[in-house]
Each structure stands twice: as structure tokens, then as C-alpha cells.
Amino acid sequence: MGIHYDYKSTKGTKLMEKQAKREKKLAEKKAKRLAKEGPKAEKLKPNILDTSKPITLDFLTNPDKK
């Protein structure tokens, strides 16, 4: 029996191994990228103004105020 006889019988297995290897590699890249960037929840904290307070000139021009 030559190699051409068992090609079709092992083709599915080889394709699944390749897909698993590819997914593992992508997962490792994603984990590495997320570890490098850090948590996103802290960076995306929005600055929401209180609607009950009026906007004053001091609020707009004072750079030391948070």
C-alpha cells in the first residue's frame, strides 16, 4: 500500500489538527496582546457631567479641576 491509498482516510484528521494548531496560535496571540494592553475597563471610563450642576466659566477654564 502506497501513500496515495491512505491519503483520503487521514485527510480529515490532518485538517482538524491544522485547525486546532491555528486556533491555539491565535488564542496565544490574543492573550499576549491583552496582557500587554492591560484591562480595558479602566481606560474606557467616561467623563459624564452632572446635569443638575450648571456649567460655569471656572469649570471650563480651570485645568487643575477633575
PDB file of N, CA and C in Angstrom:
ATOM      1  N   MET A   1       0.838  -1.187   0.000  1.00  0.00           N
ATOM      2  CA  MET A   1       0.000   0.000   0.000  1.00  0.00           C
ATOM      3  C   MET A   1       0.883   1.251   0.000  1.00  0.00           C
ATOM      4  N   GLY A   2       0.627   2.091  -0.932  1.00  0.00           N
ATOM      5  CA  GLY A   2       1.411   3.310  -1.028  1.00  0.00           C
ATOM      6  C   GLY A   2       0.742   4.464  -0.289  1.00  0.00           C
ATOM      7  N   ILE A   3       1.372   5.593  -0.336  1.00  0.00           N
ATOM      8  CA  ILE A   3       0.871   6.782   0.373  1.00  0.00           C
ATOM      9  C   ILE A   3      -0.446   7.276  -0.212  1.00  0.00           C
ATOM     10  N   HIS A   4      -0.661   7.060  -1.482  1.00  0.00           N
ATOM     11  CA  HIS A   4      -1.880   7.565  -2.129  1.00  0.00           C
ATOM     12  C   HIS A   4      -3.127   6.791  -1.707  1.00  0.00           C
ATOM     13  N   TYR A   5      -2.977   5.621  -1.127  1.00  0.00           N
ATOM     14  CA  TYR A   5      -4.134   4.846  -0.706  1.00  0.00           C
ATOM     15  C   TYR A   5      -4.715   5.340   0.622  1.00  0.00           C
ATOM     16  N   ASP A   6      -3.882   5.835   1.496  1.00  0.00           N
ATOM     17  CA  ASP A   6      -4.387   6.280   2.804  1.00  0.00           C
ATOM     18  C   ASP A   6      -4.502   7.810   2.899  1.00  0.00           C
ATOM     19  N   TYR A   7      -4.320   8.507   1.830  1.00  0.00           N
ATOM     20  CA  TYR A   7      -4.423   9.982   1.859  1.00  0.00           C
ATOM     21  C   TYR A   7      -5.827  10.423   2.249  1.00  0.00           C
ATOM     22  N   LYS A   8      -6.834   9.851   1.605  1.00  0.00           N
ATOM     23  CA  LYS A   8      -8.215  10.260   1.887  1.00  0.00           C
ATOM     24  C   LYS A   8      -8.643   9.872   3.296  1.00  0.00           C
ATOM     25  N   SER A   9      -8.153   8.766   3.785  1.00  0.00           N
ATOM     26  CA  SER A   9      -8.565   8.312   5.112  1.00  0.00           C
ATOM     27  C   SER A   9      -7.946   9.156   6.225  1.00  0.00           C
ATOM     28  N   THR A  10      -6.806   9.787   5.980  1.00  0.00           N
ATOM     29  CA  THR A  10      -6.160  10.604   7.015  1.00  0.00           C
ATOM     30  C   THR A  10      -6.329  12.103   6.767  1.00  0.00           C
ATOM     31  N   LYS A  11      -6.964  12.469   5.673  1.00  0.00           N
ATOM     32  CA  LYS A  11      -7.107  13.882   5.315  1.00  0.00           C
ATOM     33  C   LYS A  11      -7.892  14.660   6.374  1.00  0.00           C
ATOM     34  N   GLY A  12      -9.016  14.103   6.816  1.00  0.00           N
ATOM     35  CA  GLY A  12      -9.841  14.777   7.817  1.00  0.00           C
ATOM     36  C   GLY A  12      -9.105  15.001   9.127  1.00  0.00           C
ATOM     37  N   THR A  13      -8.367  14.014   9.551  1.00  0.00           N
ATOM     38  CA  THR A  13      -7.604  14.120  10.796  1.00  0.00           C
ATOM     39  C   THR A  13      -6.541  15.205  10.695  1.00  0.00           C
ATOM     40  N   LYS A  14      -5.854  15.223   9.568  1.00  0.00           N
ATOM     41  CA  LYS A  14      -4.813  16.233   9.391  1.00  0.00           C
ATOM     42  C   LYS A  14      -5.398  17.640   9.349  1.00  0.00           C
ATOM     43  N   LEU A  15      -6.542  17.800   8.710  1.00  0.00           N
ATOM     44  CA  LEU A  15      -7.183  19.111   8.651  1.00  0.00           C
ATOM     45  C   LEU A  15      -7.624  19.569  10.035  1.00  0.00           C
ATOM     46  N   MET A  16      -8.147  18.653  10.844  1.00  0.00           N
ATOM     47  CA  MET A  16      -8.553  19.018  12.204  1.00  0.00           C
ATOM     48  C   MET A  16      -7.353  19.398  13.060  1.00  0.00           C
ATOM     49  N   GLU A  17      -6.237  18.695  12.882  1.00  0.00           N
ATOM     50  CA  GLU A  17      -5.019  19.032  13.624  1.00  0.00           C
ATOM     51  C   GLU A  17      -4.516  20.423  13.224  1.00  0.00           C
ATOM     52  N   LYS A  18      -4.556  20.721  11.936  1.00  0.00           N
ATOM     53  CA  LYS A  18      -4.127  22.040  11.473  1.00  0.00           C
ATOM     54  C   LYS A  18      -5.012  23.142  12.043  1.00  0.00           C
ATOM     55  N   GLN A  19      -6.330  22.910  12.045  1.00  0.00           N
ATOM     56  CA  GLN A  19      -7.277  23.896  12.563  1.00  0.00           C
ATOM     57  C   GLN A  19      -7.052  24.117  14.057  1.00  0.00           C
ATOM     58  N   ALA A  20      -6.829  23.038  14.807  1.00  0.00           N
ATOM     59  CA  ALA A  20      -6.583  23.159  16.247  1.00  0.00           C
ATOM     60  C   ALA A  20      -5.291  23.933  16.501  1.00  0.00           C
ATOM     61  N   LYS A  21      -4.274  23.651  15.710  1.00  0.00           N
ATOM     62  CA  LYS A  21      -2.999  24.350  15.859  1.00  0.00           C
ATOM     63  C   LYS A  21      -3.162  25.844  15.566  1.00  0.00           C
ATOM     64  N   ARG A  22      -3.924  26.153  14.513  1.00  0.00           N
ATOM     65  CA  ARG A  22      -4.162  27.542  14.130  1.00  0.00           C
ATOM     66  C   ARG A  22      -4.930  28.286  15.234  1.00  0.00           C
ATOM     67  N   GLU A  23      -5.971  27.646  15.783  1.00  0.00           N
ATOM     68  CA  GLU A  23      -6.766  28.273  16.844  1.00  0.00           C
ATOM     69  C   GLU A  23      -5.947  28.475  18.108  1.00  0.00           C
ATOM     70  N   LYS A  24      -5.090  27.521  18.433  1.00  0.00           N
ATOM     71  CA  LYS A  24      -4.230  27.637  19.612  1.00  0.00           C
ATOM     72  C   LYS A  24      -3.279  28.824  19.451  1.00  0.00           C
ATOM     73  N   LYS A  25      -2.712  28.951  18.262  1.00  0.00           N
ATOM     74  CA  LYS A  25      -1.776  30.044  17.988  1.00  0.00           C
ATOM     75  C   LYS A  25      -2.475  31.406  18.091  1.00  0.00           C
ATOM     76  N   LEU A  26      -3.692  31.494  17.539  1.00  0.00           N
ATOM     77  CA  LEU A  26      -4.445  32.749  17.619  1.00  0.00           C
ATOM     78  C   LEU A  26      -4.817  33.083  19.056  1.00  0.00           C
ATOM     79  N   ALA A  27      -5.177  32.078  19.844  1.00  0.00           N
ATOM     80  CA  ALA A  27      -5.526  32.303  21.246  1.00  0.00           C
ATOM     81  C   ALA A  27      -4.318  32.798  22.035  1.00  0.00           C
ATOM     82  N   GLU A  28      -3.157  32.248  21.750  1.00  0.00           N
ATOM     83  CA  GLU A  28      -1.938  32.704  22.429  1.00  0.00           C
ATOM     84  C   GLU A  28      -1.613  34.142  22.059  1.00  0.00           C
ATOM     85  N   LYS A  29      -1.783  34.496  20.782  1.00  0.00           N
ATOM     86  CA  LYS A  29      -1.535  35.876  20.355  1.00  0.00           C
ATOM     87  C   LYS A  29      -2.494  36.842  21.046  1.00  0.00           C
ATOM     88  N   LYS A  30      -3.763  36.442  21.127  1.00  0.00           N
ATOM     89  CA  LYS A  30      -4.761  37.297  21.753  1.00  0.00           C
ATOM     90  C   LYS A  30      -4.467  37.485  23.236  1.00  0.00           C
ATOM     91  N   ALA A  31      -4.088  36.418  23.925  1.00  0.00           N
ATOM     92  CA  ALA A  31      -3.765  36.512  25.345  1.00  0.00           C
ATOM     93  C   ALA A  31      -2.546  37.401  25.567  1.00  0.00           C
ATOM     94  N   LYS A  32      -1.568  37.276  24.699  1.00  0.00           N
ATOM     95  CA  LYS A  32      -0.363  38.094  24.807  1.00  0.00           C
ATOM     96  C   LYS A  32      -0.688  39.575  24.584  1.00  0.00           C
ATOM     97  N   ARG A  33      -1.538  39.837  23.589  1.00  0.00           N
ATOM     98  CA  ARG A  33      -1.913  41.215  23.290  1.00  0.00           C
ATOM     99  C   ARG A  33      -2.713  41.829  24.438  1.00  0.00           C
ATOM    100  N   LEU A  34      -3.644  41.060  25.015  1.00  0.00           N
ATOM    101  CA  LEU A  34      -4.443  41.560  26.126  1.00  0.00           C
ATOM    102  C   LEU A  34      -3.586  41.799  27.355  1.00  0.00           C
ATOM    103  N   ALA A  35      -2.601  40.949  27.593  1.00  0.00           N
ATOM    104  CA  ALA A  35      -1.708  41.138  28.736  1.00  0.00           C
ATOM    105  C   ALA A  35      -0.851  42.387  28.542  1.00  0.00           C
ATOM    106  N   LYS A  36      -0.475  42.647  27.324  1.00  0.00           N
ATOM    107  CA  LYS A  36       0.352  43.813  27.030  1.00  0.00           C
ATOM    108  C   LYS A  36      -0.452  45.114  27.172  1.00  0.00           C
ATOM    109  N   GLU A  37      -1.707  45.111  26.703  1.00  0.00           N
ATOM    110  CA  GLU A  37      -2.545  46.300  26.749  1.00  0.00           C
ATOM    111  C   GLU A  37      -3.056  46.594  28.156  1.00  0.00           C
ATOM    112  N   GLY A  38      -3.328  45.572  28.907  1.00  0.00           N
ATOM    113  CA  GLY A  38      -3.890  45.753  30.230  1.00  0.00           C
ATOM    114  C   GLY A  38      -5.406  45.754  30.157  1.00  0.00           C
ATOM    115  N   PRO A  39      -6.044  45.900  31.297  1.00  0.00           N
ATOM    116  CA  PRO A  39      -7.518  45.862  31.305  1.00  0.00           C
ATOM    117  C   PRO A  39      -8.116  47.073  30.602  1.00  0.00           C
ATOM    118  N   LYS A  40      -9.166  46.836  29.828  1.00  0.00           N
ATOM    119  CA  LYS A  40      -9.798  47.915  29.081  1.00  0.00           C
ATOM    120  C   LYS A  40     -10.836  48.664  29.904  1.00  0.00           C
ATOM    121  N   ALA A  41     -11.337  48.074  30.951  1.00  0.00           N
ATOM    122  CA  ALA A  41     -12.401  48.681  31.738  1.00  0.00           C
ATOM    123  C   ALA A  41     -11.935  49.997  32.377  1.00  0.00           C
ATOM    124  N   GLU A  42     -10.686  50.053  32.777  1.00  0.00           N
ATOM    125  CA  GLU A  42     -10.180  51.265  33.407  1.00  0.00           C
ATOM    126  C   GLU A  42      -9.977  52.389  32.392  1.00  0.00           C
ATOM    127  N   LYS A  43      -9.598  52.049  31.186  1.00  0.00           N
ATOM    128  CA  LYS A  43      -9.329  53.060  30.176  1.00  0.00           C
ATOM    129  C   LYS A  43     -10.599  53.672  29.597  1.00  0.00           C
ATOM    130  N   LEU A  44     -11.665  52.912  29.564  1.00  0.00           N
ATOM    131  CA  LEU A  44     -12.885  53.368  28.929  1.00  0.00           C
ATOM    132  C   LEU A  44     -13.850  54.054  29.882  1.00  0.00           C
ATOM    133  N   LYS A  45     -13.388  54.490  31.032  1.00  0.00           N
ATOM    134  CA  LYS A  45     -14.252  55.160  31.979  1.00  0.00           C
ATOM    135  C   LYS A  45     -14.624  56.543  31.427  1.00  0.00           C
ATOM    136  N   PRO A  46     -15.868  56.773  31.126  1.00  0.00           N
ATOM    137  CA  PRO A  46     -16.263  58.038  30.502  1.00  0.00           C
ATOM    138  C   PRO A  46     -16.384  59.181  31.514  1.00  0.00           C
ATOM    139  N   ASN A  47     -16.148  60.387  31.034  1.00  0.00           N
ATOM    140  CA  ASN A  47     -16.348  61.581  31.850  1.00  0.00           C
ATOM    141  C   ASN A  47     -17.765  62.083  31.602  1.00  0.00           C
ATOM    142  N   ILE A  48     -18.631  61.802  32.540  1.00  0.00           N
ATOM    143  CA  ILE A  48     -20.022  62.209  32.405  1.00  0.00           C
ATOM    144  C   ILE A  48     -20.258  63.401  33.323  1.00  0.00           C
ATOM    145  N   LEU A  49     -20.771  64.459  32.736  1.00  0.00           N
ATOM    146  CA  LEU A  49     -21.053  65.660  33.517  1.00  0.00           C
ATOM    147  C   LEU A  49     -22.373  65.504  34.251  1.00  0.00           C
ATOM    148  N   ASP A  50     -22.418  66.106  35.421  1.00  0.00           N
ATOM    149  CA  ASP A  50     -23.651  66.092  36.203  1.00  0.00           C
ATOM    150  C   ASP A  50     -24.609  67.116  35.597  1.00  0.00           C
ATOM    151  N   THR A  51     -25.768  66.671  35.197  1.00  0.00           N
ATOM    152  CA  THR A  51     -26.710  67.559  34.530  1.00  0.00           C
ATOM    153  C   THR A  51     -27.408  68.506  35.490  1.00  0.00           C
ATOM    154  N   SER A  52     -27.347  68.233  36.776  1.00  0.00           N
ATOM    155  CA  SER A  52     -28.005  69.121  37.742  1.00  0.00           C
ATOM    156  C   SER A  52     -27.157  70.351  38.060  1.00  0.00           C
ATOM    157  N   LYS A  53     -25.858  70.307  37.762  1.00  0.00           N
ATOM    158  CA  LYS A  53     -24.971  71.449  38.030  1.00  0.00           C
ATOM    159  C   LYS A  53     -24.838  72.298  36.769  1.00  0.00           C
ATOM    160  N   PRO A  54     -24.856  73.613  36.927  1.00  0.00           N
ATOM    161  CA  PRO A  54     -24.655  74.480  35.755  1.00  0.00           C
ATOM    162  C   PRO A  54     -23.179  74.504  35.339  1.00  0.00           C
ATOM    163  N   ILE A  55     -22.934  74.691  34.074  1.00  0.00           N
ATOM    164  CA  ILE A  55     -21.569  74.783  33.562  1.00  0.00           C
ATOM    165  C   ILE A  55     -21.133  76.239  33.683  1.00  0.00           C
ATOM    166  N   THR A  56     -20.074  76.445  34.451  1.00  0.00           N
ATOM    167  CA  THR A  56     -19.581  77.801  34.684  1.00  0.00           C
ATOM    168  C   THR A  56     -18.291  78.026  33.917  1.00  0.00           C
ATOM    169  N   LEU A  57     -17.881  79.290  33.842  1.00  0.00           N
ATOM    170  CA  LEU A  57     -16.637  79.634  33.169  1.00  0.00           C
ATOM    171  C   LEU A  57     -15.450  79.039  33.917  1.00  0.00           C
ATOM    172  N   ASP A  58     -15.519  79.010  35.236  1.00  0.00           N
ATOM    173  CA  ASP A  58     -14.443  78.439  36.035  1.00  0.00           C
ATOM    174  C   ASP A  58     -14.296  76.937  35.747  1.00  0.00           C
ATOM    175  N   PHE A  59     -15.392  76.260  35.592  1.00  0.00           N
ATOM    176  CA  PHE A  59     -15.362  74.830  35.286  1.00  0.00           C
ATOM    177  C   PHE A  59     -14.701  74.563  33.927  1.00  0.00           C
ATOM    178  N   LEU A  60     -14.966  75.406  32.965  1.00  0.00           N
ATOM    179  CA  LEU A  60     -14.411  75.225  31.630  1.00  0.00           C
ATOM    180  C   LEU A  60     -12.946  75.610  31.514  1.00  0.00           C
ATOM    181  N   THR A  61     -12.499  76.604  32.297  1.00  0.00           N
ATOM    182  CA  THR A  61     -11.145  77.134  32.122  1.00  0.00           C
ATOM    183  C   THR A  61     -10.138  76.639  33.132  1.00  0.00           C
ATOM    184  N   ASN A  62     -10.568  76.042  34.235  1.00  0.00           N
ATOM    185  CA  ASN A  62      -9.631  75.603  35.260  1.00  0.00           C
ATOM    186  C   ASN A  62      -9.072  74.218  34.905  1.00  0.00           C
ATOM    187  N   PRO A  63      -7.782  74.136  34.522  1.00  0.00           N
ATOM    188  CA  PRO A  63      -7.220  72.843  34.128  1.00  0.00           C
ATOM    189  C   PRO A  63      -6.913  71.927  35.306  1.00  0.00           C
ATOM    190  N   ASP A  64      -6.833  72.454  36.534  1.00  0.00           N
ATOM    191  CA  ASP A  64      -6.485  71.642  37.696  1.00  0.00           C
ATOM    192  C   ASP A  64      -7.677  70.859  38.230  1.00  0.00           C
ATOM    193  N   LYS A  65      -8.837  71.265  37.887  1.00  0.00           N
ATOM    194  CA  LYS A  65     -10.039  70.598  38.373  1.00  0.00           C
ATOM    195  C   LYS A  65     -10.270  69.305  37.594  1.00  0.00           C
ATOM    196  N   LYS A  66     -10.767  68.287  38.286  1.00  0.00           N
ATOM    197  CA  LYS A  66     -11.001  66.998  37.618  1.00  0.00           C
ATOM    198  C   LYS A  66     -12.383  66.907  37.099  1.00  0.00           C
TER     199      LYS A  66
END
